[in-house]
PDB file of all heavy atoms in Angstrom:
ATOM      1  N   GLY A   1     111.115  98.265  97.854  1.00  0.00           N
ATOM      2  CA  GLY A   1     110.191  98.307  96.736  1.00  0.00           C
ATOM      3  C   GLY A   1     108.867  98.968  97.057  1.00  0.00           C
ATOM      4  O   GLY A   1     108.790  99.849  97.908  1.00  0.00           O
ATOM      5  N   ARG A   2     107.852  98.498  96.372  1.00  0.00           N
ATOM      6  CA  ARG A   2     106.518  99.083  96.489  1.00  0.00           C
ATOM      7  C   ARG A   2     105.479  97.966  96.603  1.00  0.00           C
ATOM      8  O   ARG A   2     105.587  96.945  95.931  1.00  0.00           O
ATOM      9  CB  ARG A   2     106.227  99.902  95.237  1.00  0.00           C
ATOM     10  CG  ARG A   2     104.894 100.577  95.235  1.00  0.00           C
ATOM     11  CD  ARG A   2     104.778 101.481  94.009  1.00  0.00           C
ATOM     12  NE  ARG A   2     103.610 102.308  94.103  1.00  0.00           N
ATOM     13  CZ  ARG A   2     102.558 102.189  93.312  1.00  0.00           C
ATOM     14  NH1 ARG A   2     102.550 101.284  92.360  1.00  0.00           N
ATOM     15  NH2 ARG A   2     101.531 102.979  93.460  1.00  0.00           N
ATOM     16  N   GLU A   3     104.494  98.197  97.454  1.00  0.00           N
ATOM     17  CA  GLU A   3     103.353  97.290  97.596  1.00  0.00           C
ATOM     18  C   GLU A   3     102.100  98.123  97.357  1.00  0.00           C
ATOM     19  O   GLU A   3     102.063  99.299  97.728  1.00  0.00           O
ATOM     20  CB  GLU A   3     103.269  96.712  99.011  1.00  0.00           C
ATOM     21  CG  GLU A   3     104.472  95.958  99.464  1.00  0.00           C
ATOM     22  CD  GLU A   3     104.387  95.579 100.939  1.00  0.00           C
ATOM     23  OE1 GLU A   3     103.730  96.292 101.726  1.00  0.00           O
ATOM     24  OE2 GLU A   3     104.983  94.567 101.288  1.00  0.00           O
ATOM     25  N   GLU A   4     101.095  97.502  96.753  1.00  0.00           N
ATOM     26  CA  GLU A   4      99.843  98.229  96.593  1.00  0.00           C
ATOM     27  C   GLU A   4      98.688  97.266  96.418  1.00  0.00           C
ATOM     28  O   GLU A   4      98.863  96.119  96.012  1.00  0.00           O
ATOM     29  CB  GLU A   4      99.902  99.186  95.406  1.00  0.00           C
ATOM     30  CG  GLU A   4      99.959  98.504  94.067  1.00  0.00           C
ATOM     31  CD  GLU A   4      99.980  99.506  92.925  1.00  0.00           C
ATOM     32  OE1 GLU A   4      99.207 100.487  92.961  1.00  0.00           O
ATOM     33  OE2 GLU A   4     100.769  99.300  91.996  1.00  0.00           O
ATOM     34  N   VAL A   5      97.499  97.748  96.743  1.00  0.00           N
ATOM     35  CA  VAL A   5      96.265  97.018  96.480  1.00  0.00           C
ATOM     36  C   VAL A   5      95.182  98.055  96.193  1.00  0.00           C
ATOM     37  O   VAL A   5      95.089  99.077  96.863  1.00  0.00           O
ATOM     38  CB  VAL A   5      95.881  96.083  97.658  1.00  0.00           C
ATOM     39  CG1 VAL A   5      95.546  96.849  98.913  1.00  0.00           C
ATOM     40  CG2 VAL A   5      94.760  95.147  97.270  1.00  0.00           C
ATOM     41  N   ARG A   6      94.409  97.781  95.172  1.00  0.00           N
ATOM     42  CA  ARG A   6      93.283  98.644  94.821  1.00  0.00           C
ATOM     43  C   ARG A   6      92.062  98.197  95.620  1.00  0.00           C
ATOM     44  O   ARG A   6      91.890  97.009  95.899  1.00  0.00           O
ATOM     45  CB  ARG A   6      92.996  98.560  93.323  1.00  0.00           C
ATOM     46  CG  ARG A   6      94.109  99.095  92.450  1.00  0.00           C
ATOM     47  CD  ARG A   6      93.757  98.979  90.970  1.00  0.00           C
ATOM     48  NE  ARG A   6      92.455  99.548  90.661  1.00  0.00           N
ATOM     49  CZ  ARG A   6      92.260 100.831  90.340  1.00  0.00           C
ATOM     50  NH1 ARG A   6      93.275 101.665  90.270  1.00  0.00           N
ATOM     51  NH2 ARG A   6      91.041 101.255  90.079  1.00  0.00           N
ATOM     52  N   TRP A   7      91.213  99.159  95.989  1.00  0.00           N
ATOM     53  CA  TRP A   7      90.005  98.820  96.736  1.00  0.00           C
ATOM     54  C   TRP A   7      89.147  97.827  95.961  1.00  0.00           C
ATOM     55  O   TRP A   7      88.594  96.897  96.547  1.00  0.00           O
ATOM     56  CB  TRP A   7      89.180 100.069  97.054  1.00  0.00           C
ATOM     57  CG  TRP A   7      89.838 101.020  97.989  1.00  0.00           C
ATOM     58  CD1 TRP A   7      90.143 102.334  97.733  1.00  0.00           C
ATOM     59  CD2 TRP A   7      90.275 100.784  99.327  1.00  0.00           C
ATOM     60  NE1 TRP A   7      90.748 102.906  98.823  1.00  0.00           N
ATOM     61  CE2 TRP A   7      90.836 101.974  99.827  1.00  0.00           C
ATOM     62  CE3 TRP A   7      90.256  99.669 100.157  1.00  0.00           C
ATOM     63  CZ2 TRP A   7      91.357 102.087 101.103  1.00  0.00           C
ATOM     64  CZ3 TRP A   7      90.783  99.777 101.443  1.00  0.00           C
ATOM     65  CH2 TRP A   7      91.323 100.963 101.908  1.00  0.00           C
ATOM     66  N   ASP A   8      89.045  98.006  94.644  1.00  0.00           N
ATOM     67  CA  ASP A   8      88.176  97.128  93.864  1.00  0.00           C
ATOM     68  C   ASP A   8      88.756  95.731  93.652  1.00  0.00           C
ATOM     69  O   ASP A   8      88.080  94.850  93.134  1.00  0.00           O
ATOM     70  CB  ASP A   8      87.801  97.765  92.522  1.00  0.00           C
ATOM     71  CG  ASP A   8      88.992  98.073  91.631  1.00  0.00           C
ATOM     72  OD1 ASP A   8      90.147  97.733  91.985  1.00  0.00           O
ATOM     73  OD2 ASP A   8      88.769  98.658  90.550  1.00  0.00           O
ATOM     74  N   ALA A   9      90.004  95.522  94.068  1.00  0.00           N
ATOM     75  CA  ALA A   9      90.636  94.204  93.950  1.00  0.00           C
ATOM     76  C   ALA A   9      90.902  93.566  95.315  1.00  0.00           C
ATOM     77  O   ALA A   9      91.463  92.478  95.393  1.00  0.00           O
ATOM     78  CB  ALA A   9      91.951  94.322  93.179  1.00  0.00           C
ATOM     79  N   LEU A  10      90.489  94.230  96.381  1.00  0.00           N
ATOM     80  CA  LEU A  10      90.729  93.720  97.734  1.00  0.00           C
ATOM     81  C   LEU A  10      89.899  92.462  97.960  1.00  0.00           C
ATOM     82  O   LEU A  10      88.686  92.455  97.736  1.00  0.00           O
ATOM     83  CB  LEU A  10      90.363  94.796  98.757  1.00  0.00           C
ATOM     84  CG  LEU A  10      90.782  94.551 100.194  1.00  0.00           C
ATOM     85  CD1 LEU A  10      92.300  94.532 100.329  1.00  0.00           C
ATOM     86  CD2 LEU A  10      90.192  95.622 101.096  1.00  0.00           C
ATOM     87  N   SER A  11      90.550  91.381  98.396  1.00  0.00           N
ATOM     88  CA  SER A  11      89.827  90.127  98.615  1.00  0.00           C
ATOM     89  C   SER A  11      89.710  89.751 100.094  1.00  0.00           C
ATOM     90  O   SER A  11      88.791  89.037 100.472  1.00  0.00           O
ATOM     91  CB  SER A  11      90.476  88.974  97.847  1.00  0.00           C
ATOM     92  OG  SER A  11      91.777  88.724  98.325  1.00  0.00           O
ATOM     93  N   ARG A  12      90.648  90.210 100.929  1.00  0.00           N
ATOM     94  CA  ARG A  12      90.534  89.938 102.360  1.00  0.00           C
ATOM     95  C   ARG A  12      91.461  90.878 103.138  1.00  0.00           C
ATOM     96  O   ARG A  12      92.420  91.415 102.596  1.00  0.00           O
ATOM     97  CB  ARG A  12      90.844  88.487 102.693  1.00  0.00           C
ATOM     98  CG  ARG A  12      92.273  88.073 102.654  1.00  0.00           C
ATOM     99  CD  ARG A  12      92.442  86.597 103.078  1.00  0.00           C
ATOM    100  NE  ARG A  12      93.834  86.251 103.136  1.00  0.00           N
ATOM    101  CZ  ARG A  12      94.578  85.896 102.104  1.00  0.00           C
ATOM    102  NH1 ARG A  12      94.055  85.838 100.902  1.00  0.00           N
ATOM    103  NH2 ARG A  12      95.845  85.581 102.257  1.00  0.00           N
ATOM    104  N   VAL A  13      91.145  91.027 104.422  1.00  0.00           N
ATOM    105  CA  VAL A  13      91.953  91.828 105.338  1.00  0.00           C
ATOM    106  C   VAL A  13      92.203  90.983 106.572  1.00  0.00           C
ATOM    107  O   VAL A  13      91.272  90.428 107.151  1.00  0.00           O
ATOM    108  CB  VAL A  13      91.248  93.149 105.713  1.00  0.00           C
ATOM    109  CG1 VAL A  13      92.098  93.939 106.710  1.00  0.00           C
ATOM    110  CG2 VAL A  13      90.959  93.989 104.475  1.00  0.00           C
ATOM    111  N   GLU A  14      93.467  90.884 106.952  1.00  0.00           N
ATOM    112  CA  GLU A  14      93.847  90.143 108.154  1.00  0.00           C
ATOM    113  C   GLU A  14      94.676  91.049 109.057  1.00  0.00           C
ATOM    114  O   GLU A  14      95.277  92.025 108.597  1.00  0.00           O
ATOM    115  CB  GLU A  14      94.708  88.930 107.797  1.00  0.00           C
ATOM    116  CG  GLU A  14      94.023  87.901 106.951  1.00  0.00           C
ATOM    117  CD  GLU A  14      94.940  86.729 106.637  1.00  0.00           C
ATOM    118  OE1 GLU A  14      95.744  86.326 107.498  1.00  0.00           O
ATOM    119  OE2 GLU A  14      94.836  86.217 105.512  1.00  0.00           O
ATOM    120  N   ILE A  15      94.724  90.696 110.311  1.00  0.00           N
ATOM    121  CA  ILE A  15      95.657  91.312 111.246  1.00  0.00           C
ATOM    122  C   ILE A  15      96.578  90.206 111.724  1.00  0.00           C
ATOM    123  O   ILE A  15      96.129  89.119 112.093  1.00  0.00           O
ATOM    124  CB  ILE A  15      94.942  91.965 112.440  1.00  0.00           C
ATOM    125  CG1 ILE A  15      94.069  93.121 111.969  1.00  0.00           C
ATOM    126  CG2 ILE A  15      95.965  92.439 113.482  1.00  0.00           C
ATOM    127  CD1 ILE A  15      93.181  93.711 113.041  1.00  0.00           C
ATOM    128  N   VAL A  16      97.872  90.479 111.705  1.00  0.00           N
ATOM    129  CA  VAL A  16      98.873  89.540 112.203  1.00  0.00           C
ATOM    130  C   VAL A  16      99.510  90.173 113.437  1.00  0.00           C
ATOM    131  O   VAL A  16      99.903  91.341 113.410  1.00  0.00           O
ATOM    132  CB  VAL A  16      99.955  89.252 111.137  1.00  0.00           C
ATOM    133  CG1 VAL A  16     101.071  88.402 111.709  1.00  0.00           C
ATOM    134  CG2 VAL A  16      99.329  88.597 109.921  1.00  0.00           C
ATOM    135  N   THR A  17      99.568  89.395 114.516  1.00  0.00           N
ATOM    136  CA  THR A  17     100.231  89.869 115.728  1.00  0.00           C
ATOM    137  C   THR A  17     101.440  88.986 116.017  1.00  0.00           C
ATOM    138  O   THR A  17     101.488  87.827 115.611  1.00  0.00           O
ATOM    139  CB  THR A  17      99.274  89.840 116.940  1.00  0.00           C
ATOM    140  OG1 THR A  17      98.825  88.499 117.167  1.00  0.00           O
ATOM    141  CG2 THR A  17      98.079  90.752 116.713  1.00  0.00           C
ATOM    142  N   THR A  18     102.409  89.562 116.700  1.00  0.00           N
ATOM    143  CA  THR A  18     103.607  88.830 117.103  1.00  0.00           C
ATOM    144  C   THR A  18     103.803  89.012 118.607  1.00  0.00           C
ATOM    145  O   THR A  18     103.061  89.756 119.252  1.00  0.00           O
ATOM    146  CB  THR A  18     104.870  89.339 116.367  1.00  0.00           C
ATOM    147  OG1 THR A  18     105.233  90.628 116.888  1.00  0.00           O
ATOM    148  CG2 THR A  18     104.642  89.431 114.864  1.00  0.00           C
ATOM    149  N   ASP A  19     104.832  88.389 119.132  1.00  0.00           N
ATOM    150  CA  ASP A  19     105.169  88.576 120.546  1.00  0.00           C
ATOM    151  C   ASP A  19     106.401  89.471 120.691  1.00  0.00           C
ATOM    152  O   ASP A  19     107.100  89.424 121.694  1.00  0.00           O
ATOM    153  CB  ASP A  19     105.377  87.234 121.247  1.00  0.00           C
ATOM    154  CG  ASP A  19     106.425  86.364 120.588  1.00  0.00           C
ATOM    155  OD1 ASP A  19     107.072  86.809 119.607  1.00  0.00           O
ATOM    156  OD2 ASP A  19     106.624  85.227 121.046  1.00  0.00           O
ATOM    157  N   ASP A  20     106.647  90.345 119.704  1.00  0.00           N
ATOM    158  CA  ASP A  20     107.832  91.213 119.713  1.00  0.00           C
ATOM    159  C   ASP A  20     107.648  92.482 120.545  1.00  0.00           C
ATOM    160  O   ASP A  20     108.622  93.163 120.831  1.00  0.00           O
ATOM    161  CB  ASP A  20     108.211  91.621 118.290  1.00  0.00           C
ATOM    162  CG  ASP A  20     108.703  90.453 117.464  1.00  0.00           C
ATOM    163  OD1 ASP A  20     109.166  89.462 118.053  1.00  0.00           O
ATOM    164  OD2 ASP A  20     108.607  90.538 116.223  1.00  0.00           O
ATOM    165  N   GLY A  21     106.431  92.842 120.916  1.00  0.00           N
ATOM    166  CA  GLY A  21     106.181  94.091 121.654  1.00  0.00           C
ATOM    167  C   GLY A  21     106.651  93.983 123.088  1.00  0.00           C
ATOM    168  O   GLY A  21     107.082  92.927 123.533  1.00  0.00           O
ATOM    169  N   PRO A  22     106.682  95.034 123.833  1.00  0.00           N
ATOM    170  CA  PRO A  22     106.153  96.342 123.488  1.00  0.00           C
ATOM    171  C   PRO A  22     107.168  97.292 122.857  1.00  0.00           C
ATOM    172  O   PRO A  22     106.828  98.414 122.511  1.00  0.00           O
ATOM    173  CB  PRO A  22     105.694  96.889 124.830  1.00  0.00           C
ATOM    174  CG  PRO A  22     106.691  96.354 125.803  1.00  0.00           C
ATOM    175  CD  PRO A  22     107.027  94.972 125.266  1.00  0.00           C
ATOM    176  N   PHE A  23     108.407  96.876 122.688  1.00  0.00           N
ATOM    177  CA  PHE A  23     109.421  97.799 122.188  1.00  0.00           C
ATOM    178  C   PHE A  23     109.686  97.648 120.700  1.00  0.00           C
ATOM    179  O   PHE A  23     110.558  98.309 120.144  1.00  0.00           O
ATOM    180  CB  PHE A  23     110.722  97.640 122.988  1.00  0.00           C
ATOM    181  CG  PHE A  23     110.516  97.934 124.446  1.00  0.00           C
ATOM    182  CD1 PHE A  23     110.537  96.918 125.388  1.00  0.00           C
ATOM    183  CD2 PHE A  23     110.246  99.219 124.880  1.00  0.00           C
ATOM    184  CE1 PHE A  23     110.332  97.179 126.731  1.00  0.00           C
ATOM    185  CE2 PHE A  23     110.019  99.497 126.219  1.00  0.00           C
ATOM    186  CZ  PHE A  23     110.074  98.474 127.141  1.00  0.00           C
ATOM    187  N   ALA A  24     108.948  96.783 120.041  1.00  0.00           N
ATOM    188  CA  ALA A  24     109.046  96.599 118.592  1.00  0.00           C
ATOM    189  C   ALA A  24     107.622  96.459 118.040  1.00  0.00           C
ATOM    190  O   ALA A  24     106.694  96.114 118.773  1.00  0.00           O
ATOM    191  CB  ALA A  24     109.864  95.353 118.262  1.00  0.00           C
ATOM    192  N   GLU A  25     107.477  96.734 116.767  1.00  0.00           N
ATOM    193  CA  GLU A  25     106.167  96.599 116.115  1.00  0.00           C
ATOM    194  C   GLU A  25     105.679  95.162 116.261  1.00  0.00           C
ATOM    195  O   GLU A  25     106.420  94.215 116.023  1.00  0.00           O
ATOM    196  CB  GLU A  25     106.296  96.954 114.641  1.00  0.00           C
ATOM    197  CG  GLU A  25     104.998  97.034 113.912  1.00  0.00           C
ATOM    198  CD  GLU A  25     104.201  98.287 114.218  1.00  0.00           C
ATOM    199  OE1 GLU A  25     104.641  99.377 113.841  1.00  0.00           O
ATOM    200  OE2 GLU A  25     103.132  98.158 114.845  1.00  0.00           O
ATOM    201  N   ASP A  26     104.422  94.992 116.685  1.00  0.00           N
ATOM    202  CA  ASP A  26     103.882  93.646 116.900  1.00  0.00           C
ATOM    203  C   ASP A  26     102.451  93.495 116.401  1.00  0.00           C
ATOM    204  O   ASP A  26     101.747  92.556 116.757  1.00  0.00           O
ATOM    205  CB  ASP A  26     103.973  93.250 118.373  1.00  0.00           C
ATOM    206  CG  ASP A  26     103.154  94.144 119.289  1.00  0.00           C
ATOM    207  OD1 ASP A  26     102.620  95.164 118.827  1.00  0.00           O
ATOM    208  OD2 ASP A  26     103.045  93.811 120.485  1.00  0.00           O
ATOM    209  N   PHE A  27     102.003  94.415 115.532  1.00  0.00           N
ATOM    210  CA  PHE A  27     100.634  94.437 115.030  1.00  0.00           C
ATOM    211  C   PHE A  27     100.677  94.910 113.581  1.00  0.00           C
ATOM    212  O   PHE A  27     101.180  96.004 113.297  1.00  0.00           O
ATOM    213  CB  PHE A  27      99.819  95.414 115.883  1.00  0.00           C
ATOM    214  CG  PHE A  27      98.346  95.410 115.618  1.00  0.00           C
ATOM    215  CD1 PHE A  27      97.486  94.706 116.437  1.00  0.00           C
ATOM    216  CD2 PHE A  27      97.808  96.151 114.578  1.00  0.00           C
ATOM    217  CE1 PHE A  27      96.111  94.727 116.217  1.00  0.00           C
ATOM    218  CE2 PHE A  27      96.447  96.177 114.349  1.00  0.00           C
ATOM    219  CZ  PHE A  27      95.590  95.460 115.177  1.00  0.00           C
ATOM    220  N   PHE A  28     100.186  94.078 112.663  1.00  0.00           N
ATOM    221  CA  PHE A  28     100.281  94.394 111.239  1.00  0.00           C
ATOM    222  C   PHE A  28      98.956  94.117 110.538  1.00  0.00           C
ATOM    223  O   PHE A  28      98.344  93.065 110.756  1.00  0.00           O
ATOM    224  CB  PHE A  28     101.373  93.539 110.568  1.00  0.00           C
ATOM    225  CG  PHE A  28     102.713  93.722 111.184  1.00  0.00           C
ATOM    226  CD1 PHE A  28     103.121  92.897 112.232  1.00  0.00           C
ATOM    227  CD2 PHE A  28     103.578  94.704 110.746  1.00  0.00           C
ATOM    228  CE1 PHE A  28     104.364  93.056 112.823  1.00  0.00           C
ATOM    229  CE2 PHE A  28     104.826  94.875 111.331  1.00  0.00           C
ATOM    230  CZ  PHE A  28     105.218  94.047 112.373  1.00  0.00           C
ATOM    231  N   TRP A  29      98.532  95.029 109.696  1.00  0.00           N
ATOM    232  CA  TRP A  29      97.373  94.843 108.828  1.00  0.00           C
ATOM    233  C   TRP A  29      97.858  94.272 107.506  1.00  0.00           C
ATOM    234  O   TRP A  29      98.807  94.809 106.911  1.00  0.00           O
ATOM    235  CB  TRP A  29      96.695  96.178 108.549  1.00  0.00           C
ATOM    236  CG  TRP A  29      96.013  96.796 109.723  1.00  0.00           C
ATOM    237  CD1 TRP A  29      96.592  97.606 110.661  1.00  0.00           C
ATOM    238  CD2 TRP A  29      94.649  96.680 110.075  1.00  0.00           C
ATOM    239  NE1 TRP A  29      95.659  97.983 111.574  1.00  0.00           N
ATOM    240  CE2 TRP A  29      94.452  97.439 111.240  1.00  0.00           C
ATOM    241  CE3 TRP A  29      93.569  96.007 109.512  1.00  0.00           C
ATOM    242  CZ2 TRP A  29      93.208  97.543 111.859  1.00  0.00           C
ATOM    243  CZ3 TRP A  29      92.327  96.111 110.117  1.00  0.00           C
ATOM    244  CH2 TRP A  29      92.154  96.872 111.283  1.00  0.00           C
ATOM    245  N   LEU A  30      97.230  93.205 107.034  1.00  0.00           N
ATOM    246  CA  LEU A  30      97.519  92.656 105.709  1.00  0.00           C
ATOM    247  C   LEU A  30      96.301  92.897 104.836  1.00  0.00           C
ATOM    248  O   LEU A  30      95.223  92.361 105.111  1.00  0.00           O
ATOM    249  CB  LEU A  30      97.802  91.155 105.785  1.00  0.00           C
ATOM    250  CG  LEU A  30      98.973  90.707 106.628  1.00  0.00           C
ATOM    251  CD1 LEU A  30      99.096  89.184 106.570  1.00  0.00           C
ATOM    252  CD2 LEU A  30     100.260  91.357 106.177  1.00  0.00           C
ATOM    253  N   LEU A  31      96.464  93.697 103.808  1.00  0.00           N
ATOM    254  CA  LEU A  31      95.402  93.960 102.846  1.00  0.00           C
ATOM    255  C   LEU A  31      95.762  93.180 101.595  1.00  0.00           C
ATOM    256  O   LEU A  31      96.757  93.497 100.929  1.00  0.00           O
ATOM    257  CB  LEU A  31      95.288  95.450 102.553  1.00  0.00           C
ATOM    258  CG  LEU A  31      94.732  96.283 103.717  1.00  0.00           C
ATOM    259  CD1 LEU A  31      95.814  96.600 104.718  1.00  0.00           C
ATOM    260  CD2 LEU A  31      94.103  97.539 103.198  1.00  0.00           C
ATOM    261  N   VAL A  32      95.003  92.131 101.315  1.00  0.00           N
ATOM    262  CA  VAL A  32      95.359  91.174 100.269  1.00  0.00           C
ATOM    263  C   VAL A  32      94.441  91.350  99.061  1.00  0.00           C
ATOM    264  O   VAL A  32      93.208  91.370  99.206  1.00  0.00           O
ATOM    265  CB  VAL A  32      95.268  89.725 100.800  1.00  0.00           C
ATOM    266  CG1 VAL A  32      95.675  88.737  99.728  1.00  0.00           C
ATOM    267  CG2 VAL A  32      96.131  89.566 102.053  1.00  0.00           C
ATOM    268  N   GLY A  33      95.056  91.442  97.882  1.00  0.00           N
ATOM    269  CA  GLY A  33      94.303  91.579  96.654  1.00  0.00           C
ATOM    270  C   GLY A  33      93.936  90.239  96.065  1.00  0.00           C
ATOM    271  O   GLY A  33      94.460  89.193  96.460  1.00  0.00           O
ATOM    272  N   ASP A  34      93.037  90.263  95.081  1.00  0.00           N
ATOM    273  CA  ASP A  34      92.594  89.014  94.471  1.00  0.00           C
ATOM    274  C   ASP A  34      93.686  88.322  93.662  1.00  0.00           C
ATOM    275  O   ASP A  34      93.552  87.156  93.313  1.00  0.00           O
ATOM    276  CB  ASP A  34      91.328  89.217  93.634  1.00  0.00           C
ATOM    277  CG  ASP A  34      91.455  90.320  92.608  1.00  0.00           C
ATOM    278  OD1 ASP A  34      92.576  90.730  92.262  1.00  0.00           O
ATOM    279  OD2 ASP A  34      90.401  90.785  92.138  1.00  0.00           O
ATOM    280  N   ASP A  35      94.804  89.011  93.412  1.00  0.00           N
ATOM    281  CA  ASP A  35      95.939  88.391  92.723  1.00  0.00           C
ATOM    282  C   ASP A  35      96.951  87.798  93.702  1.00  0.00           C
ATOM    283  O   ASP A  35      97.990  87.289  93.304  1.00  0.00           O
ATOM    284  CB  ASP A  35      96.631  89.406  91.818  1.00  0.00           C
ATOM    285  CG  ASP A  35      97.269  90.560  92.589  1.00  0.00           C
ATOM    286  OD1 ASP A  35      97.092  90.647  93.827  1.00  0.00           O
ATOM    287  OD2 ASP A  35      97.943  91.385  91.946  1.00  0.00           O
ATOM    288  N   GLY A  36      96.666  87.875  95.016  1.00  0.00           N
ATOM    289  CA  GLY A  36      97.571  87.353  96.037  1.00  0.00           C
ATOM    290  C   GLY A  36      98.560  88.377  96.546  1.00  0.00           C
ATOM    291  O   GLY A  36      99.175  88.177  97.579  1.00  0.00           O
ATOM    292  N   GLY A  37      98.727  89.480  95.841  1.00  0.00           N
ATOM    293  CA  GLY A  37      99.600  90.563  96.303  1.00  0.00           C
ATOM    294  C   GLY A  37      98.853  91.435  97.293  1.00  0.00           C
ATOM    295  O   GLY A  37      97.677  91.188  97.596  1.00  0.00           O
ATOM    296  N   GLY A  38      99.514  92.446  97.782  1.00  0.00           N
ATOM    297  CA  GLY A  38      98.843  93.349  98.697  1.00  0.00           C
ATOM    298  C   GLY A  38      99.807  94.232  99.441  1.00  0.00           C
ATOM    299  O   GLY A  38     100.934  94.440  99.014  1.00  0.00           O
ATOM    300  N   VAL A  39      99.342  94.724 100.575  1.00  0.00           N
ATOM    301  CA  VAL A  39     100.104  95.676 101.372  1.00  0.00           C
ATOM    302  C   VAL A  39     100.094  95.232 102.829  1.00  0.00           C
ATOM    303  O   VAL A  39      99.061  94.823 103.357  1.00  0.00           O
ATOM    304  CB  VAL A  39      99.488  97.094 101.267  1.00  0.00           C
ATOM    305  CG1 VAL A  39     100.256  98.081 102.120  1.00  0.00           C
ATOM    306  CG2 VAL A  39      99.457  97.565  99.826  1.00  0.00           C
ATOM    307  N   CYS A  40     101.243  95.337 103.459  1.00  0.00           N
ATOM    308  CA  CYS A  40     101.376  95.112 104.900  1.00  0.00           C
ATOM    309  C   CYS A  40     101.574  96.474 105.559  1.00  0.00           C
ATOM    310  O   CYS A  40     102.489  97.205 105.195  1.00  0.00           O
ATOM    311  CB  CYS A  40     102.570  94.195 105.181  1.00  0.00           C
ATOM    312  SG  CYS A  40     102.861  93.916 106.937  1.00  0.00           S
ATOM    313  N   VAL A  41     100.688  96.814 106.498  1.00  0.00           N
ATOM    314  CA  VAL A  41     100.747  98.108 107.164  1.00  0.00           C
ATOM    315  C   VAL A  41     100.946  97.878 108.651  1.00  0.00           C
ATOM    316  O   VAL A  41     100.130  97.204 109.293  1.00  0.00           O
ATOM    317  CB  VAL A  41      99.448  98.913 106.929  1.00  0.00           C
ATOM    318  CG1 VAL A  41      99.535 100.269 107.619  1.00  0.00           C
ATOM    319  CG2 VAL A  41      99.170  99.075 105.444  1.00  0.00           C
ATOM    320  N   GLY A  42     102.020  98.421 109.208  1.00  0.00           N
ATOM    321  CA  GLY A  42     102.265  98.320 110.639  1.00  0.00           C
ATOM    322  C   GLY A  42     101.233  99.098 111.434  1.00  0.00           C
ATOM    323  O   GLY A  42     100.605 100.041 110.927  1.00  0.00           O
TER     324      GLY A  42
END
């Protein structure tokens, strides 16, 4: 599907880390909108 967040609706930014590295993605940006939706960026 599709994820999106508008700059004017952004309510918080988090980083989530895992212990899956170094051979798998283990760092993710969560851009969360004021409606609870948002985008996860590796």
